[in-house]
N, C-alpha and C. Protein backbone atom coordinates (compact mmCIF):
# COMPACT_ATOMS: atom_id res chain seq x y z
N MET A 1 114.74 82.79 50.24
CA MET A 1 114.51 84.00 49.97
C MET A 1 113.39 84.04 51.25
N GLN A 2 112.76 83.45 50.70
CA GLN A 2 111.38 83.63 51.91
C GLN A 2 111.89 83.46 53.43
N LYS A 3 112.32 82.50 53.68
CA LYS A 3 113.10 82.28 55.44
C LYS A 3 114.19 83.27 55.40
N GLN A 4 114.37 83.85 54.65
CA GLN A 4 115.53 84.89 55.27
C GLN A 4 114.94 86.09 55.17
N LYS A 5 113.54 86.65 54.50
CA LYS A 5 112.72 87.66 55.14
C LYS A 5 112.40 87.27 56.28
N ARG A 6 111.42 86.51 56.42
CA ARG A 6 111.03 85.83 57.67
C ARG A 6 111.43 85.96 58.91
N LYS A 7 112.98 85.65 58.79
CA LYS A 7 114.28 85.91 59.69
C LYS A 7 114.53 87.03 59.70
N LYS A 8 114.75 87.73 59.54
CA LYS A 8 114.79 89.11 59.34
C LYS A 8 113.30 90.57 60.08
N ARG A 9 111.60 89.65 59.60
CA ARG A 9 110.85 90.12 60.20
C ARG A 9 111.45 89.81 61.69
N LYS A 10 111.72 88.69 61.86
CA LYS A 10 111.45 87.79 63.70
C LYS A 10 112.38 89.06 64.10
N GLU A 11 113.20 89.15 63.66
CA GLU A 11 114.25 90.17 64.54
C GLU A 11 113.92 91.72 64.84
N ARG A 12 113.68 92.01 63.68
CA ARG A 12 112.68 93.67 63.31
C ARG A 12 111.33 93.41 65.03
N LYS A 13 110.89 92.80 65.04
CA LYS A 13 109.63 92.25 65.87
C LYS A 13 110.92 92.41 67.39
N LYS A 14 112.30 91.68 67.35
CA LYS A 14 112.16 91.07 68.83
C LYS A 14 113.14 92.09 68.77
N ARG A 15 113.58 93.40 68.03
CA ARG A 15 114.49 93.96 68.28
C ARG A 15 113.23 95.15 69.07
N LYS A 16 112.48 95.88 68.83
CA LYS A 16 111.36 96.29 68.65
C LYS A 16 110.59 96.46 70.08
N LYS A 17 109.97 95.21 70.78
CA LYS A 17 109.90 94.42 71.53
C LYS A 17 111.00 94.96 72.44
N ARG A 18 112.33 94.68 72.26
CA ARG A 18 113.64 95.09 73.14
C ARG A 18 113.63 96.70 73.41
N LYS A 19 113.44 97.12 72.11
CA LYS A 19 113.25 98.92 72.32
C LYS A 19 111.97 99.92 73.68
N LYS A 20 111.11 98.51 73.54
CA LYS A 20 109.65 98.95 74.62
C LYS A 20 110.11 98.43 75.63
N ARG A 21 110.91 97.78 76.08
CA ARG A 21 110.74 97.32 77.85
C ARG A 21 111.64 98.05 77.90
N LYS A 22 113.28 98.12 77.52
CA LYS A 22 114.01 99.67 78.25
C LYS A 22 113.23 100.20 77.98
N GLU A 23 112.50 101.09 77.23
CA GLU A 23 111.69 102.16 77.63
C GLU A 23 110.85 102.09 78.22
N SER A 24 110.39 101.16 78.55
CA SER A 24 109.67 101.23 79.72
C SER A 24 110.10 101.41 81.31
N GLN A 25 111.11 100.90 81.38
CA GLN A 25 111.64 100.15 82.35
C GLN A 25 112.49 101.69 83.06
N GLU A 26 113.05 102.27 82.17
CA GLU A 26 112.80 103.65 82.07
C GLU A 26 112.39 105.04 82.60
N ARG A 27 111.37 104.33 81.77
CA ARG A 27 110.37 105.42 82.54
C ARG A 27 110.07 105.34 83.80
N LYS A 28 109.47 103.44 84.58
CA LYS A 28 109.33 102.82 85.70
C LYS A 28 110.59 103.81 87.04
N GLU A 29 111.11 103.90 86.56
CA GLU A 29 112.53 104.68 87.32
C GLU A 29 112.56 106.13 87.41
N LYS A 30 112.62 106.83 86.41
CA LYS A 30 111.76 108.09 86.62
C LYS A 30 111.05 108.14 87.45
N GLU A 31 110.51 107.86 87.31
CA GLU A 31 109.03 107.91 87.84
C GLU A 31 109.37 107.87 90.10
N LYS A 32 109.70 106.44 89.44
CA LYS A 32 110.61 106.20 91.25
C LYS A 32 111.38 107.41 92.11
N LYS A 33 112.55 107.90 90.64
CA LYS A 33 113.06 109.27 91.26
C LYS A 33 112.42 109.81 91.80
N GLU A 34 111.34 110.65 90.88
CA GLU A 34 110.36 111.87 91.14
C GLU A 34 110.12 111.35 92.63
N LYS A 35 109.44 110.40 92.57
CA LYS A 35 108.65 109.94 94.11
C LYS A 35 109.20 110.34 95.32
N GLU A 36 110.23 109.76 94.72
CA GLU A 36 111.02 110.01 96.28
C GLU A 36 111.28 111.21 96.46
N LYS A 37 111.79 112.13 95.71
CA LYS A 37 112.27 113.20 95.59
C LYS A 37 111.28 114.26 95.92
N LYS A 38 109.84 113.92 95.89
CA LYS A 38 108.74 114.99 95.83
C LYS A 38 108.67 114.64 97.36
N LYS A 39 108.77 113.21 98.14
CA LYS A 39 108.53 112.41 99.21
C LYS A 39 109.90 112.89 99.85
N LYS A 40 110.70 113.38 99.55
CA LYS A 40 112.33 113.72 100.94
C LYS A 40 111.40 115.76 100.63
N GLU A 41 110.98 116.36 99.68
CA GLU A 41 111.05 117.19 99.84
C GLU A 41 109.46 118.11 101.09
N ARG A 42 108.63 117.10 101.33
CA ARG A 42 107.77 117.43 101.84
C ARG A 42 108.31 117.25 103.35
N LYS A 43 108.56 116.40 103.21
CA LYS A 43 109.84 115.89 104.86
C LYS A 43 110.52 117.08 105.11
N VAL A 44 111.07 117.55 104.29
CA VAL A 44 111.89 118.38 105.08
C VAL A 44 110.82 119.96 105.08
N LYS A 45 109.63 120.18 104.23
CA LYS A 45 109.00 120.92 104.43
C LYS A 45 108.16 121.25 105.90
N GLY A 46 107.56 119.55 106.28
CA GLY A 46 106.92 119.38 107.34
C GLY A 46 108.36 119.60 108.64
N LYS A 47 109.64 119.38 108.45
CA LYS A 47 110.16 119.42 109.33
C LYS A 47 110.22 121.40 110.22
N GLU A 48 110.59 122.44 108.50
CA GLU A 48 110.58 124.05 108.92
C GLU A 48 109.36 124.35 109.38
N ARG A 49 108.29 123.85 108.95
CA ARG A 49 107.10 124.48 109.45
C ARG A 49 106.70 123.69 111.18
N LYS A 50 107.54 122.73 111.45
CA LYS A 50 106.74 122.48 112.85
C LYS A 50 108.11 122.61 114.10
N GLY A 51 109.30 123.52 113.28
CA GLY A 51 110.79 123.45 114.26
C GLY A 51 111.35 122.14 114.17
N LYS A 52 112.29 122.11 114.87
CA LYS A 52 112.85 121.22 115.35
C LYS A 52 112.34 120.48 116.11
N LYS A 53 112.14 119.02 116.49
CA LYS A 53 111.30 117.80 116.60
C LYS A 53 112.22 116.61 117.43
N ASP A 54 111.70 116.26 118.17
CA ASP A 54 112.46 114.58 118.68
C ASP A 54 111.73 114.03 117.29
N ASN A 55 112.45 113.05 116.92
CA ASN A 55 111.69 111.68 116.18
C ASN A 55 111.41 110.44 116.37
N LYS A 56 111.24 110.49 117.92
CA LYS A 56 110.59 109.56 119.19
C LYS A 56 109.30 109.43 118.84
N LYS A 57 109.05 108.04 118.80
CA LYS A 57 108.14 107.74 118.95
C LYS A 57 107.03 107.64 120.30
N LYS A 58 105.77 108.35 119.91
CA LYS A 58 105.03 108.71 121.46
C LYS A 58 104.18 107.43 121.30
N GLY A 59 104.30 106.73 122.77
CA GLY A 59 103.58 105.48 123.66
C GLY A 59 102.39 106.47 123.91
N LYS A 60 101.54 105.66 124.06
CA LYS A 60 100.31 105.61 125.13
C LYS A 60 100.46 105.87 125.71
N LYS A 61 100.13 107.19 126.06
CA LYS A 61 100.02 108.15 127.93
C LYS A 61 99.06 107.32 128.67
N GLY A 62 99.93 106.59 129.18
CA GLY A 62 99.27 106.01 130.62
C GLY A 62 98.09 104.46 130.20
N TRP A 63 98.00 104.22 131.16
CA TRP A 63 96.50 103.32 131.67
C TRP A 63 96.10 103.62 131.82
N LYS A 64 94.58 103.57 130.63
CA LYS A 64 93.19 103.55 130.76
C LYS A 64 92.88 102.59 131.13
N LYS A 65 91.24 102.82 132.06
CA LYS A 65 90.62 101.84 132.33
C LYS A 65 89.69 101.95 131.29
N LYS A 66 88.82 100.48 131.15
CA LYS A 66 88.00 100.44 130.18
C LYS A 66 86.51 100.99 131.47
N SER A 67 85.81 101.53 130.43
CA SER A 67 84.45 101.93 131.19
C SER A 67 82.80 100.72 130.84
N LYS A 68 82.95 100.14 131.59
CA LYS A 68 82.38 99.01 131.51
C LYS A 68 80.43 99.79 131.67
N LYS A 69 79.92 99.02 130.27
CA LYS A 69 78.49 99.55 130.22
C LYS A 69 77.59 99.09 131.02
N ARG A 70 77.03 99.43 131.50
CA ARG A 70 75.84 98.83 132.86
C ARG A 70 74.59 98.18 132.14
N LYS A 71 74.29 97.27 132.45
CA LYS A 71 72.80 96.76 132.37
C LYS A 71 72.18 97.55 132.65
N LYS A 72 71.27 97.14 131.71
CA LYS A 72 69.92 98.05 131.56
C LYS A 72 69.06 97.26 132.30
N LYS A 73 68.31 97.69 133.29
CA LYS A 73 67.24 96.47 134.43
C LYS A 73 66.24 96.31 133.50
N LYS A 74 65.58 94.89 134.08
CA LYS A 74 64.60 94.62 132.79
C LYS A 74 63.31 95.65 133.16
N GLU A 75 62.21 96.34 132.36
CA GLU A 75 61.54 96.59 132.85
C GLU A 75 60.45 96.23 133.01
N LYS A 76 59.41 95.86 133.97
CA LYS A 76 57.94 95.14 134.02
C LYS A 76 56.99 96.08 133.90
N ILE A 77 56.25 95.48 133.18
CA ILE A 77 55.15 96.09 133.11
C ILE A 77 53.75 95.12 132.98
N ASN A 78 52.95 95.78 134.06
CA ASN A 78 51.41 94.94 134.33
C ASN A 78 50.68 95.27 133.68
N ILE A 79 50.21 94.27 133.02
CA ILE A 79 48.66 94.53 132.36
C ILE A 79 47.77 94.13 132.36
N THR A 80 46.54 93.76 132.66
CA THR A 80 45.96 93.08 132.84
C THR A 80 44.95 92.41 131.82
N LYS A 81 44.12 91.55 131.32
CA LYS A 81 43.83 91.26 130.41
C LYS A 81 42.97 90.12 130.36
N GLU A 82 41.39 90.65 130.76
CA GLU A 82 40.43 89.54 131.07
C GLU A 82 40.47 88.75 132.08
N GLY A 83 41.03 89.83 132.80
CA GLY A 83 40.68 89.54 134.52
C GLY A 83 42.18 88.66 135.12
N ARG A 84 42.69 88.77 133.94
CA ARG A 84 44.39 88.09 134.66
C ARG A 84 45.48 88.98 134.27
N ASP A 85 46.40 88.53 135.18
CA ASP A 85 47.49 89.47 135.67
C ASP A 85 48.73 89.06 134.80
N ILE A 86 48.75 89.60 133.72
CA ILE A 86 50.48 88.99 132.68
C ILE A 86 50.91 90.88 132.93
N THR A 87 52.08 89.32 132.84
CA THR A 87 53.81 90.70 133.42
C THR A 87 53.83 90.64 131.83
N LYS A 88 54.98 91.63 131.44
CA LYS A 88 55.94 91.38 130.06
C LYS A 88 57.72 91.78 130.68
N PHE A 89 58.32 91.19 130.11
CA PHE A 89 59.56 91.32 130.40
C PHE A 89 60.15 92.50 129.28
N VAL A 90 60.84 93.60 128.53
CA VAL A 90 61.64 94.32 128.19
C VAL A 90 62.95 93.63 128.48
N THR A 91 63.24 93.08 128.04
CA THR A 91 64.78 92.54 127.68
C THR A 91 65.52 93.70 127.23
N SER A 92 66.95 93.86 127.75
CA SER A 92 68.16 94.16 126.78
C SER A 92 67.70 94.76 125.18
N GLN A 93 67.92 96.16 125.04
CA GLN A 93 67.99 96.91 123.63
C GLN A 93 68.05 95.71 121.88
N LYS A 94 69.20 94.94 122.79
CA LYS A 94 69.68 94.53 121.72
C LYS A 94 68.47 93.49 121.26
N HIS A 95 68.13 93.18 122.00
CA HIS A 95 66.89 91.74 121.57
C HIS A 95 65.77 92.53 121.71
N ASN A 96 65.00 93.76 122.38
CA ASN A 96 63.93 93.83 122.06
C ASN A 96 62.91 92.94 121.46
N ASN A 97 62.86 91.50 122.98
CA ASN A 97 61.90 90.70 122.02
C ASN A 97 60.84 91.44 124.17
N LEU A 98 59.63 91.16 124.30
CA LEU A 98 58.64 90.87 125.06
C LEU A 98 58.41 89.95 125.68
N TYR A 99 58.89 89.46 126.90
CA TYR A 99 58.44 87.91 127.18
C TYR A 99 57.18 87.95 128.49
N ILE A 100 56.42 87.13 127.71
CA ILE A 100 55.02 86.73 128.48
C ILE A 100 54.91 86.05 129.28
N SER A 101 54.76 85.85 131.06
CA SER A 101 54.85 85.32 131.84
C SER A 101 53.05 85.19 132.46
N ASP A 102 52.96 84.01 131.64
CA ASP A 102 51.55 84.35 131.86
C ASP A 102 52.04 82.84 132.11
N PRO A 103 50.70 82.18 133.36
CA PRO A 103 51.16 80.69 133.52
C PRO A 103 50.23 79.51 133.14
N GLU A 104 49.59 79.83 132.54
CA GLU A 104 48.75 78.80 131.18
C GLU A 104 49.69 78.80 129.79
N GLU A 105 49.26 80.30 129.70
CA GLU A 105 50.67 80.14 128.24
C GLU A 105 52.28 79.10 128.37
N LYS A 106 52.53 79.55 129.47
CA LYS A 106 53.51 78.69 130.18
C LYS A 106 53.54 76.95 130.47
N GLN A 107 52.09 76.31 130.51
CA GLN A 107 52.31 75.22 130.55
C GLN A 107 52.19 74.67 129.19
N LYS A 108 50.75 75.14 128.90
CA LYS A 108 51.17 75.09 127.10
C LYS A 108 52.15 74.80 126.71
N LYS A 109 52.99 75.69 126.39
CA LYS A 109 54.77 75.99 126.11
C LYS A 109 55.38 74.47 126.72
N LYS A 110 55.08 74.18 127.70
CA LYS A 110 55.89 72.94 128.40
C LYS A 110 55.60 71.11 127.94
N LYS A 111 54.07 71.37 127.45
CA LYS A 111 53.27 70.27 127.10
C LYS A 111 54.45 70.20 125.43
N GLU A 112 53.89 71.25 124.86
CA GLU A 112 54.57 71.10 123.88
C GLU A 112 55.35 70.52 123.22
N LYS A 113 56.51 70.99 124.21
CA LYS A 113 57.74 70.86 124.56
C LYS A 113 58.24 69.24 124.34
N LYS A 114 57.27 68.76 125.41
CA LYS A 114 57.28 67.50 126.06
C LYS A 114 57.18 66.44 124.60
N ARG A 115 55.88 67.11 124.09
CA ARG A 115 55.72 66.20 123.25
C ARG A 115 56.66 66.11 122.12
N LYS A 116 56.79 67.31 121.46
CA LYS A 116 58.27 67.11 120.59
C LYS A 116 59.78 66.47 121.19
N GLY A 117 59.72 66.55 122.22
CA GLY A 117 60.75 65.44 122.63
C GLY A 117 60.57 64.35 122.66
N GLU A 118 59.09 63.77 123.03
CA GLU A 118 58.97 61.95 122.85
C GLU A 118 58.47 61.59 121.15
N LYS A 119 58.13 62.84 120.41
CA LYS A 119 58.28 62.10 119.11
C LYS A 119 59.69 61.68 118.53
N GLU A 120 60.31 63.12 119.06
CA GLU A 120 61.83 63.19 118.82
C GLU A 120 62.54 61.02 119.01
N LYS A 121 62.32 61.20 119.76
CA LYS A 121 63.00 59.79 120.45
C LYS A 121 61.85 58.39 119.93
N LYS A 122 60.63 58.59 119.42
CA LYS A 122 60.39 57.81 118.58
C LYS A 122 60.83 57.37 116.58
N LYS A 123 61.07 58.54 116.63
CA LYS A 123 61.89 58.27 115.80
C LYS A 123 63.07 58.09 115.21
N LYS A 124 63.69 58.32 116.59
CA LYS A 124 65.29 57.86 116.84
C LYS A 124 65.46 56.08 116.42
N LYS A 125 64.43 56.04 117.59
CA LYS A 125 63.93 54.04 118.26
C LYS A 125 63.93 53.99 116.76
N LYS A 126 62.52 53.92 115.53
CA LYS A 126 62.73 53.31 114.79
C LYS A 126 63.92 53.44 113.72
N LYS A 127 64.40 54.39 113.45
CA LYS A 127 65.81 54.18 113.52
C LYS A 127 66.16 53.77 113.35
N GLU A 128 66.93 53.71 114.40
CA GLU A 128 67.64 52.16 115.12
C GLU A 128 66.93 50.66 114.96
N GLU A 129 66.12 50.75 114.83
CA GLU A 129 65.44 49.69 114.58
C GLU A 129 65.76 49.39 112.58
N TYR A 130 65.10 49.99 112.30
CA TYR A 130 65.48 49.66 111.29
C TYR A 130 67.05 49.26 110.22
N LYS A 131 68.04 50.63 111.11
CA LYS A 131 69.46 50.33 110.76
C LYS A 131 70.18 48.69 111.00
N LYS A 132 69.09 48.20 112.25
CA LYS A 132 69.63 47.00 112.58
C LYS A 132 68.95 45.76 111.46
N LYS A 133 67.55 46.03 111.52
CA LYS A 133 66.92 45.03 109.97
C LYS A 133 67.89 45.02 109.18
N ARG A 134 68.37 46.14 108.86
CA ARG A 134 69.12 46.31 107.55
C ARG A 134 70.44 45.64 107.85
N LYS A 135 71.07 45.93 109.05
CA LYS A 135 72.25 44.57 109.32
C LYS A 135 72.53 43.39 109.00
N THR A 136 71.07 42.97 109.73
CA THR A 136 70.68 41.45 109.66
C THR A 136 70.52 41.09 108.31
N LYS A 137 70.24 41.98 107.49
CA LYS A 137 69.36 41.49 106.37
C LYS A 137 71.08 40.97 105.25
N TYR A 138 71.52 41.59 105.60
CA TYR A 138 72.97 41.32 104.71
C TYR A 138 73.37 40.49 104.67
């Protein structure tokens, strides 16, 4: 008895699901048809408004030369600071940086760079030596 009841219940559920699936499919198809109808109507209305026209796609009208953007010249601003002449260069607006060309500062920067380079070289040497030692150990 219970088995039969269970079977019937399952069949009922399956039937319901099938019915729902069918209904949703029909609904979707109806909506699709309505959309296509509206689209066609819109096209017809547009043609009536515009009058008869060729359906040819319009290509690009001729060849246009691209305008080149002119680079702004660097502005030189001379500022005297404690008897020294410091020239500042204002570069393009994109970077908007001020570069100071002061001979003393330039030399300092060069020395710092040199020192950094030497330090890095020493570090590299030490690393290589360490690697060699490790290889010989094992």
